[in-house]
ModelCIF file with pLDDT and N, C-alpha, C, O atoms, coordinates in Angstrom:
data_MODEL
#
_entry.id   MODEL 
#
_entity.id                         1 
_entity.type                       polymer 
_entity.pdbx_number_of_molecules   1 
#
_entity_poly.entity_id                      1 
_entity_poly.type                           'polypeptide(L)' 
_entity_poly.nstd_linkage                   no 
_entity_poly.nstd_monomer                   no 
_entity_poly.pdbx_seq_one_letter_code       
;(UNK)(UNK)(UNK)(UNK)(UNK)(UNK)(UNK)(UNK)(UNK)(UNK)(UNK)(UNK)(UNK)(UNK)(UNK)(UNK)
(UNK)(UNK)(UNK)(UNK)(UNK)(UNK)(UNK)(UNK)(UNK)(UNK)(UNK)(UNK)(UNK)(UNK)(UNK)(UNK)
(UNK)(UNK)(UNK)(UNK)(UNK)(UNK)(UNK)
;
_entity_poly.pdbx_seq_one_letter_code_can   XXXXXXXXXXXXXXXXXXXXXXXXXXXXXXXXXXXXXXX 
_entity_poly.pdbx_strand_id                 A 
#
loop_
_entity_poly_seq.entity_id 
_entity_poly_seq.num 
_entity_poly_seq.mon_id 
_entity_poly_seq.hetero 
1 1  UNK n 
1 2  UNK n 
1 3  UNK n 
1 4  UNK n 
1 5  UNK n 
1 6  UNK n 
1 7  UNK n 
1 8  UNK n 
1 9  UNK n 
1 10 UNK n 
1 11 UNK n 
1 12 UNK n 
1 13 UNK n 
1 14 UNK n 
1 15 UNK n 
1 16 UNK n 
1 17 UNK n 
1 18 UNK n 
1 19 UNK n 
1 20 UNK n 
1 21 UNK n 
1 22 UNK n 
1 23 UNK n 
1 24 UNK n 
1 25 UNK n 
1 26 UNK n 
1 27 UNK n 
1 28 UNK n 
1 29 UNK n 
1 30 UNK n 
1 31 UNK n 
1 32 UNK n 
1 33 UNK n 
1 34 UNK n 
1 35 UNK n 
1 36 UNK n 
1 37 UNK n 
1 38 UNK n 
1 39 UNK n 
#
_struct_asym.id          A 
_struct_asym.entity_id   1 
#
loop_
_ma_qa_metric.id 
_ma_qa_metric.mode 
_ma_qa_metric.name 
_ma_qa_metric.software_group_id 
_ma_qa_metric.type 
1 global pLDDT . pLDDT 
2 local  pLDDT . pLDDT 
#
_ma_qa_metric_global.metric_id      1 
_ma_qa_metric_global.metric_value   95.62 
_ma_qa_metric_global.model_id       1 
_ma_qa_metric_global.ordinal_id     1 
#
loop_
_ma_qa_metric_local.label_asym_id 
_ma_qa_metric_local.label_comp_id 
_ma_qa_metric_local.label_seq_id 
_ma_qa_metric_local.metric_id 
_ma_qa_metric_local.metric_value 
_ma_qa_metric_local.model_id 
_ma_qa_metric_local.ordinal_id 
A UNK 1  2 95.00 1 1  
A UNK 2  2 97.00 1 2  
A UNK 3  2 97.00 1 3  
A UNK 4  2 96.00 1 4  
A UNK 5  2 97.00 1 5  
A UNK 6  2 97.00 1 6  
A UNK 7  2 97.00 1 7  
A UNK 8  2 96.00 1 8  
A UNK 9  2 96.00 1 9  
A UNK 10 2 96.00 1 10 
A UNK 11 2 95.00 1 11 
A UNK 12 2 93.00 1 12 
A UNK 13 2 91.00 1 13 
A UNK 14 2 91.00 1 14 
A UNK 15 2 91.00 1 15 
A UNK 16 2 93.00 1 16 
A UNK 17 2 94.00 1 17 
A UNK 18 2 97.00 1 18 
A UNK 19 2 97.00 1 19 
A UNK 20 2 97.00 1 20 
A UNK 21 2 98.00 1 21 
A UNK 22 2 97.00 1 22 
A UNK 23 2 95.00 1 23 
A UNK 24 2 95.00 1 24 
A UNK 25 2 91.00 1 25 
A UNK 26 2 91.00 1 26 
A UNK 27 2 95.00 1 27 
A UNK 28 2 96.00 1 28 
A UNK 29 2 97.00 1 29 
A UNK 30 2 97.00 1 30 
A UNK 31 2 97.00 1 31 
A UNK 32 2 97.00 1 32 
A UNK 33 2 97.00 1 33 
A UNK 34 2 97.00 1 34 
A UNK 35 2 98.00 1 35 
A UNK 36 2 97.00 1 36 
A UNK 37 2 97.00 1 37 
A UNK 38 2 97.00 1 38 
A UNK 39 2 97.00 1 39 
#
loop_
_atom_site.group_PDB 
_atom_site.id 
_atom_site.type_symbol 
_atom_site.label_atom_id 
_atom_site.label_alt_id 
_atom_site.label_comp_id 
_atom_site.label_asym_id 
_atom_site.label_entity_id 
_atom_site.label_seq_id 
_atom_site.pdbx_PDB_ins_code 
_atom_site.Cartn_x 
_atom_site.Cartn_y 
_atom_site.Cartn_z 
_atom_site.occupancy 
_atom_site.B_iso_or_equiv 
_atom_site.pdbx_formal_charge 
_atom_site.auth_seq_id 
_atom_site.auth_comp_id 
_atom_site.auth_asym_id 
_atom_site.auth_atom_id 
_atom_site.pdbx_PDB_model_num 
ATOM 1   N N  . UNK A 1 1  ? 14.138  -12.926 8.932  1.00 95.00 ? 1  UNK A N  1 
ATOM 2   C CA . UNK A 1 1  ? 14.739  -12.090 7.882  1.00 95.00 ? 1  UNK A CA 1 
ATOM 3   C C  . UNK A 1 1  ? 13.891  -12.163 6.615  1.00 95.00 ? 1  UNK A C  1 
ATOM 4   O O  . UNK A 1 1  ? 13.651  -11.148 5.961  1.00 95.00 ? 1  UNK A O  1 
ATOM 5   N N  . UNK A 1 2  ? 13.443  -13.361 6.276  1.00 97.00 ? 2  UNK A N  1 
ATOM 6   C CA . UNK A 1 2  ? 12.592  -13.556 5.110  1.00 97.00 ? 2  UNK A CA 1 
ATOM 7   C C  . UNK A 1 2  ? 11.254  -12.825 5.301  1.00 97.00 ? 2  UNK A C  1 
ATOM 8   O O  . UNK A 1 2  ? 10.741  -12.207 4.368  1.00 97.00 ? 2  UNK A O  1 
ATOM 9   N N  . UNK A 1 3  ? 10.702  -12.900 6.501  1.00 97.00 ? 3  UNK A N  1 
ATOM 10  C CA . UNK A 1 3  ? 9.438   -12.209 6.790  1.00 97.00 ? 3  UNK A CA 1 
ATOM 11  C C  . UNK A 1 3  ? 9.605   -10.698 6.632  1.00 97.00 ? 3  UNK A C  1 
ATOM 12  O O  . UNK A 1 3  ? 8.756   -10.038 6.033  1.00 97.00 ? 3  UNK A O  1 
ATOM 13  N N  . UNK A 1 4  ? 10.704  -10.149 7.171  1.00 96.00 ? 4  UNK A N  1 
ATOM 14  C CA . UNK A 1 4  ? 10.952  -8.707  7.020  1.00 96.00 ? 4  UNK A CA 1 
ATOM 15  C C  . UNK A 1 4  ? 11.076  -8.323  5.548  1.00 96.00 ? 4  UNK A C  1 
ATOM 16  O O  . UNK A 1 4  ? 10.563  -7.289  5.120  1.00 96.00 ? 4  UNK A O  1 
ATOM 17  N N  . UNK A 1 5  ? 11.758  -9.164  4.784  1.00 97.00 ? 5  UNK A N  1 
ATOM 18  C CA . UNK A 1 5  ? 11.919  -8.916  3.345  1.00 97.00 ? 5  UNK A CA 1 
ATOM 19  C C  . UNK A 1 5  ? 10.554  -8.900  2.654  1.00 97.00 ? 5  UNK A C  1 
ATOM 20  O O  . UNK A 1 5  ? 10.278  -8.028  1.829  1.00 97.00 ? 5  UNK A O  1 
ATOM 21  N N  . UNK A 1 6  ? 9.706   -9.866  2.996  1.00 97.00 ? 6  UNK A N  1 
ATOM 22  C CA . UNK A 1 6  ? 8.385   -9.916  2.378  1.00 97.00 ? 6  UNK A CA 1 
ATOM 23  C C  . UNK A 1 6  ? 7.514   -8.729  2.792  1.00 97.00 ? 6  UNK A C  1 
ATOM 24  O O  . UNK A 1 6  ? 6.736   -8.224  1.984  1.00 97.00 ? 6  UNK A O  1 
ATOM 25  N N  . UNK A 1 7  ? 7.639   -8.282  4.044  1.00 97.00 ? 7  UNK A N  1 
ATOM 26  C CA . UNK A 1 7  ? 6.901   -7.085  4.466  1.00 97.00 ? 7  UNK A CA 1 
ATOM 27  C C  . UNK A 1 7  ? 7.383   -5.867  3.679  1.00 97.00 ? 7  UNK A C  1 
ATOM 28  O O  . UNK A 1 7  ? 6.571   -5.055  3.237  1.00 97.00 ? 7  UNK A O  1 
ATOM 29  N N  . UNK A 1 8  ? 8.696   -5.735  3.504  1.00 96.00 ? 8  UNK A N  1 
ATOM 30  C CA . UNK A 1 8  ? 9.233   -4.619  2.723  1.00 96.00 ? 8  UNK A CA 1 
ATOM 31  C C  . UNK A 1 8  ? 8.701   -4.666  1.287  1.00 96.00 ? 8  UNK A C  1 
ATOM 32  O O  . UNK A 1 8  ? 8.335   -3.636  0.720  1.00 96.00 ? 8  UNK A O  1 
ATOM 33  N N  . UNK A 1 9  ? 8.662   -5.857  0.712  1.00 96.00 ? 9  UNK A N  1 
ATOM 34  C CA . UNK A 1 9  ? 8.129   -6.003  -0.650 1.00 96.00 ? 9  UNK A CA 1 
ATOM 35  C C  . UNK A 1 9  ? 6.631   -5.713  -0.692 1.00 96.00 ? 9  UNK A C  1 
ATOM 36  O O  . UNK A 1 9  ? 6.144   -5.122  -1.656 1.00 96.00 ? 9  UNK A O  1 
ATOM 37  N N  . UNK A 1 10 ? 5.900   -6.121  0.334  1.00 96.00 ? 10 UNK A N  1 
ATOM 38  C CA . UNK A 1 10 ? 4.462   -5.831  0.390  1.00 96.00 ? 10 UNK A CA 1 
ATOM 39  C C  . UNK A 1 10 ? 4.234   -4.324  0.409  1.00 96.00 ? 10 UNK A C  1 
ATOM 40  O O  . UNK A 1 10 ? 3.460   -3.801  -0.393 1.00 96.00 ? 10 UNK A O  1 
ATOM 41  N N  . UNK A 1 11 ? 4.904   -3.629  1.319  1.00 95.00 ? 11 UNK A N  1 
ATOM 42  C CA . UNK A 1 11 ? 4.707   -2.182  1.419  1.00 95.00 ? 11 UNK A CA 1 
ATOM 43  C C  . UNK A 1 11 ? 5.275   -1.450  0.210  1.00 95.00 ? 11 UNK A C  1 
ATOM 44  O O  . UNK A 1 11 ? 4.902   -0.306  -0.050 1.00 95.00 ? 11 UNK A O  1 
ATOM 45  N N  . UNK A 1 12 ? 6.172   -2.095  -0.530 1.00 93.00 ? 12 UNK A N  1 
ATOM 46  C CA . UNK A 1 12 ? 6.698   -1.536  -1.769 1.00 93.00 ? 12 UNK A CA 1 
ATOM 47  C C  . UNK A 1 12 ? 5.849   -1.888  -2.980 1.00 93.00 ? 12 UNK A C  1 
ATOM 48  O O  . UNK A 1 12 ? 6.174   -1.498  -4.102 1.00 93.00 ? 12 UNK A O  1 
ATOM 49  N N  . UNK A 1 13 ? 4.760   -2.624  -2.764 1.00 91.00 ? 13 UNK A N  1 
ATOM 50  C CA . UNK A 1 13 ? 3.846   -2.963  -3.849 1.00 91.00 ? 13 UNK A CA 1 
ATOM 51  C C  . UNK A 1 13 ? 4.262   -4.160  -4.679 1.00 91.00 ? 13 UNK A C  1 
ATOM 52  O O  . UNK A 1 13 ? 3.679   -4.412  -5.733 1.00 91.00 ? 13 UNK A O  1 
ATOM 53  N N  . UNK A 1 14 ? 5.265   -4.907  -4.220 1.00 91.00 ? 14 UNK A N  1 
ATOM 54  C CA . UNK A 1 14 ? 5.768   -6.036  -5.012 1.00 91.00 ? 14 UNK A CA 1 
ATOM 55  C C  . UNK A 1 14 ? 5.269   -7.394  -4.518 1.00 91.00 ? 14 UNK A C  1 
ATOM 56  O O  . UNK A 1 14 ? 5.050   -8.290  -5.334 1.00 91.00 ? 14 UNK A O  1 
ATOM 57  N N  . UNK A 1 15 ? 5.086   -7.569  -3.236 1.00 91.00 ? 15 UNK A N  1 
ATOM 58  C CA . UNK A 1 15 ? 4.629   -8.848  -2.675 1.00 91.00 ? 15 UNK A CA 1 
ATOM 59  C C  . UNK A 1 15 ? 3.104   -8.840  -2.629 1.00 91.00 ? 15 UNK A C  1 
ATOM 60  O O  . UNK A 1 15 ? 2.499   -8.025  -1.933 1.00 91.00 ? 15 UNK A O  1 
ATOM 61  N N  . UNK A 1 16 ? 2.495   -9.749  -3.372 1.00 93.00 ? 16 UNK A N  1 
ATOM 62  C CA . UNK A 1 16 ? 1.034   -9.839  -3.420 1.00 93.00 ? 16 UNK A CA 1 
ATOM 63  C C  . UNK A 1 16 ? 0.514   -10.943 -2.498 1.00 93.00 ? 16 UNK A C  1 
ATOM 64  O O  . UNK A 1 16 ? -0.623  -10.886 -2.031 1.00 93.00 ? 16 UNK A O  1 
ATOM 65  N N  . UNK A 1 17 ? 1.355   -11.946 -2.240 1.00 94.00 ? 17 UNK A N  1 
ATOM 66  C CA . UNK A 1 17 ? 0.998   -13.073 -1.365 1.00 94.00 ? 17 UNK A CA 1 
ATOM 67  C C  . UNK A 1 17 ? 2.224   -13.404 -0.519 1.00 94.00 ? 17 UNK A C  1 
ATOM 68  O O  . UNK A 1 17 ? 3.312   -13.620 -1.052 1.00 94.00 ? 17 UNK A O  1 
ATOM 69  N N  . UNK A 1 18 ? 2.048   -13.441 0.779  1.00 97.00 ? 18 UNK A N  1 
ATOM 70  C CA . UNK A 1 18 ? 3.147   -13.834 1.660  1.00 97.00 ? 18 UNK A CA 1 
ATOM 71  C C  . UNK A 1 18 ? 3.365   -15.333 1.546  1.00 97.00 ? 18 UNK A C  1 
ATOM 72  O O  . UNK A 1 18 ? 2.412   -16.107 1.464  1.00 97.00 ? 18 UNK A O  1 
ATOM 73  N N  . UNK A 1 19 ? 4.630   -15.734 1.540  1.00 97.00 ? 19 UNK A N  1 
ATOM 74  C CA . UNK A 1 19 ? 4.985   -17.147 1.462  1.00 97.00 ? 19 UNK A CA 1 
ATOM 75  C C  . UNK A 1 19 ? 5.832   -17.492 2.685  1.00 97.00 ? 19 UNK A C  1 
ATOM 76  O O  . UNK A 1 19 ? 7.060   -17.541 2.622  1.00 97.00 ? 19 UNK A O  1 
ATOM 77  N N  . UNK A 1 20 ? 5.144   -17.728 3.792  1.00 97.00 ? 20 UNK A N  1 
ATOM 78  C CA . UNK A 1 20 ? 5.801   -18.004 5.063  1.00 97.00 ? 20 UNK A CA 1 
ATOM 79  C C  . UNK A 1 20 ? 5.062   -19.129 5.776  1.00 97.00 ? 20 UNK A C  1 
ATOM 80  O O  . UNK A 1 20 ? 3.845   -19.244 5.637  1.00 97.00 ? 20 UNK A O  1 
ATOM 81  N N  . UNK A 1 21 ? 5.769   -19.962 6.536  1.00 98.00 ? 21 UNK A N  1 
ATOM 82  C CA . UNK A 1 21 ? 5.059   -20.954 7.342  1.00 98.00 ? 21 UNK A CA 1 
ATOM 83  C C  . UNK A 1 21 ? 4.325   -20.235 8.481  1.00 98.00 ? 21 UNK A C  1 
ATOM 84  O O  . UNK A 1 21 ? 4.897   -19.383 9.160  1.00 98.00 ? 21 UNK A O  1 
ATOM 85  N N  . UNK A 1 22 ? 3.065   -20.587 8.675  1.00 97.00 ? 22 UNK A N  1 
ATOM 86  C CA . UNK A 1 22 ? 2.231   -19.928 9.681  1.00 97.00 ? 22 UNK A CA 1 
ATOM 87  C C  . UNK A 1 22 ? 1.729   -20.955 10.684 1.00 97.00 ? 22 UNK A C  1 
ATOM 88  O O  . UNK A 1 22 ? 1.510   -22.117 10.343 1.00 97.00 ? 22 UNK A O  1 
ATOM 89  N N  . UNK A 1 23 ? 1.550   -20.514 11.924 1.00 95.00 ? 23 UNK A N  1 
ATOM 90  C CA . UNK A 1 23 ? 0.955   -21.369 12.934 1.00 95.00 ? 23 UNK A CA 1 
ATOM 91  C C  . UNK A 1 23 ? -0.008  -20.525 13.755 1.00 95.00 ? 23 UNK A C  1 
ATOM 92  O O  . UNK A 1 23 ? 0.356   -19.466 14.267 1.00 95.00 ? 23 UNK A O  1 
ATOM 93  N N  . UNK A 1 24 ? -1.230  -21.003 13.873 1.00 95.00 ? 24 UNK A N  1 
ATOM 94  C CA . UNK A 1 24 ? -2.273  -20.284 14.591 1.00 95.00 ? 24 UNK A CA 1 
ATOM 95  C C  . UNK A 1 24 ? -2.417  -20.839 16.010 1.00 95.00 ? 24 UNK A C  1 
ATOM 96  O O  . UNK A 1 24 ? -3.463  -21.380 16.366 1.00 95.00 ? 24 UNK A O  1 
ATOM 97  N N  . UNK A 1 25 ? -1.363  -20.700 16.815 1.00 91.00 ? 25 UNK A N  1 
ATOM 98  C CA . UNK A 1 25 ? -1.371  -21.180 18.199 1.00 91.00 ? 25 UNK A CA 1 
ATOM 99  C C  . UNK A 1 25 ? -2.546  -20.573 18.954 1.00 91.00 ? 25 UNK A C  1 
ATOM 100 O O  . UNK A 1 25 ? -2.780  -19.366 18.887 1.00 91.00 ? 25 UNK A O  1 
ATOM 101 N N  . UNK A 1 26 ? -3.280  -21.410 19.667 1.00 91.00 ? 26 UNK A N  1 
ATOM 102 C CA . UNK A 1 26 ? -4.339  -20.925 20.538 1.00 91.00 ? 26 UNK A CA 1 
ATOM 103 C C  . UNK A 1 26 ? -5.637  -20.548 19.844 1.00 91.00 ? 26 UNK A C  1 
ATOM 104 O O  . UNK A 1 26 ? -6.563  -20.076 20.504 1.00 91.00 ? 26 UNK A O  1 
ATOM 105 N N  . UNK A 1 27 ? -5.733  -20.739 18.554 1.00 95.00 ? 27 UNK A N  1 
ATOM 106 C CA . UNK A 1 27 ? -6.946  -20.376 17.821 1.00 95.00 ? 27 UNK A CA 1 
ATOM 107 C C  . UNK A 1 27 ? -7.887  -21.566 17.741 1.00 95.00 ? 27 UNK A C  1 
ATOM 108 O O  . UNK A 1 27 ? -7.446  -22.713 17.662 1.00 95.00 ? 27 UNK A O  1 
ATOM 109 N N  . UNK A 1 28 ? -9.182  -21.291 17.761 1.00 96.00 ? 28 UNK A N  1 
ATOM 110 C CA . UNK A 1 28 ? -10.180 -22.356 17.635 1.00 96.00 ? 28 UNK A CA 1 
ATOM 111 C C  . UNK A 1 28 ? -10.236 -22.835 16.188 1.00 96.00 ? 28 UNK A C  1 
ATOM 112 O O  . UNK A 1 28 ? -9.705  -22.184 15.287 1.00 96.00 ? 28 UNK A O  1 
ATOM 113 N N  . UNK A 1 29 ? -10.878 -23.967 15.977 1.00 97.00 ? 29 UNK A N  1 
ATOM 114 C CA . UNK A 1 29 ? -11.034 -24.495 14.618 1.00 97.00 ? 29 UNK A CA 1 
ATOM 115 C C  . UNK A 1 29 ? -11.845 -23.527 13.758 1.00 97.00 ? 29 UNK A C  1 
ATOM 116 O O  . UNK A 1 29 ? -11.550 -23.353 12.576 1.00 97.00 ? 29 UNK A O  1 
ATOM 117 N N  . UNK A 1 30 ? -12.861 -22.898 14.343 1.00 97.00 ? 30 UNK A N  1 
ATOM 118 C CA . UNK A 1 30 ? -13.641 -21.919 13.584 1.00 97.00 ? 30 UNK A CA 1 
ATOM 119 C C  . UNK A 1 30 ? -12.757 -20.752 13.143 1.00 97.00 ? 30 UNK A C  1 
ATOM 120 O O  . UNK A 1 30 ? -12.805 -20.335 11.985 1.00 97.00 ? 30 UNK A O  1 
ATOM 121 N N  . UNK A 1 31 ? -11.957 -20.232 14.058 1.00 97.00 ? 31 UNK A N  1 
ATOM 122 C CA . UNK A 1 31 ? -11.065 -19.126 13.719 1.00 97.00 ? 31 UNK A CA 1 
ATOM 123 C C  . UNK A 1 31 ? -10.112 -19.529 12.595 1.00 97.00 ? 31 UNK A C  1 
ATOM 124 O O  . UNK A 1 31 ? -9.902  -18.769 11.650 1.00 97.00 ? 31 UNK A O  1 
ATOM 125 N N  . UNK A 1 32 ? -9.538  -20.723 12.700 1.00 97.00 ? 32 UNK A N  1 
ATOM 126 C CA . UNK A 1 32 ? -8.618  -21.203 11.664 1.00 97.00 ? 32 UNK A CA 1 
ATOM 127 C C  . UNK A 1 32 ? -9.322  -21.300 10.313 1.00 97.00 ? 32 UNK A C  1 
ATOM 128 O O  . UNK A 1 32 ? -8.730  -20.983 9.281  1.00 97.00 ? 32 UNK A O  1 
ATOM 129 N N  . UNK A 1 33 ? -10.591 -21.739 10.314 1.00 97.00 ? 33 UNK A N  1 
ATOM 130 C CA . UNK A 1 33 ? -11.321 -21.828 9.046  1.00 97.00 ? 33 UNK A CA 1 
ATOM 131 C C  . UNK A 1 33 ? -11.549 -20.433 8.462  1.00 97.00 ? 33 UNK A C  1 
ATOM 132 O O  . UNK A 1 33 ? -11.489 -20.254 7.246  1.00 97.00 ? 33 UNK A O  1 
ATOM 133 N N  . UNK A 1 34 ? -11.808 -19.457 9.313  1.00 97.00 ? 34 UNK A N  1 
ATOM 134 C CA . UNK A 1 34 ? -11.957 -18.072 8.847  1.00 97.00 ? 34 UNK A CA 1 
ATOM 135 C C  . UNK A 1 34 ? -10.636 -17.585 8.257  1.00 97.00 ? 34 UNK A C  1 
ATOM 136 O O  . UNK A 1 34 ? -10.628 -16.988 7.180  1.00 97.00 ? 34 UNK A O  1 
ATOM 137 N N  . UNK A 1 35 ? -9.533  -17.828 8.937  1.00 98.00 ? 35 UNK A N  1 
ATOM 138 C CA . UNK A 1 35 ? -8.233  -17.360 8.455  1.00 98.00 ? 35 UNK A CA 1 
ATOM 139 C C  . UNK A 1 35 ? -7.862  -18.010 7.126  1.00 98.00 ? 35 UNK A C  1 
ATOM 140 O O  . UNK A 1 35 ? -7.264  -17.366 6.264  1.00 98.00 ? 35 UNK A O  1 
ATOM 141 N N  . UNK A 1 36 ? -8.213  -19.277 6.959  1.00 97.00 ? 36 UNK A N  1 
ATOM 142 C CA . UNK A 1 36 ? -7.947  -19.947 5.682  1.00 97.00 ? 36 UNK A CA 1 
ATOM 143 C C  . UNK A 1 36 ? -8.751  -19.281 4.558  1.00 97.00 ? 36 UNK A C  1 
ATOM 144 O O  . UNK A 1 36 ? -8.259  -19.159 3.436  1.00 97.00 ? 36 UNK A O  1 
ATOM 145 N N  . UNK A 1 37 ? -9.979  -18.854 4.853  1.00 97.00 ? 37 UNK A N  1 
ATOM 146 C CA . UNK A 1 37 ? -10.780 -18.144 3.843  1.00 97.00 ? 37 UNK A CA 1 
ATOM 147 C C  . UNK A 1 37 ? -10.211 -16.758 3.555  1.00 97.00 ? 37 UNK A C  1 
ATOM 148 O O  . UNK A 1 37 ? -10.228 -16.305 2.411  1.00 97.00 ? 37 UNK A O  1 
ATOM 149 N N  . UNK A 1 38 ? -9.716  -16.093 4.573  1.00 97.00 ? 38 UNK A N  1 
ATOM 150 C CA . UNK A 1 38 ? -9.124  -14.769 4.364  1.00 97.00 ? 38 UNK A CA 1 
ATOM 151 C C  . UNK A 1 38 ? -7.913  -14.865 3.441  1.00 97.00 ? 38 UNK A C  1 
ATOM 152 O O  . UNK A 1 38 ? -7.679  -13.986 2.611  1.00 97.00 ? 38 UNK A O  1 
ATOM 153 N N  . UNK A 1 39 ? -7.156  -15.933 3.594  1.00 97.00 ? 39 UNK A N  1 
ATOM 154 C CA . UNK A 1 39 ? -5.974  -16.126 2.743  1.00 97.00 ? 39 UNK A CA 1 
ATOM 155 C C  . UNK A 1 39 ? -6.351  -16.295 1.269  1.00 97.00 ? 39 UNK A C  1 
ATOM 156 O O  . UNK A 1 39 ? -5.473  -16.467 0.423  1.00 97.00 ? 39 UNK A O  1 
#
């Protein structure tokens, strides 16, 4: 529910940074390092 709310705020121009717990199941360490930089 919180994720849906944040998506609605993002598409409404209000959410600039998502604040959700994330888990990168199945991703390599290199991929995780890339995702941390993207964030």
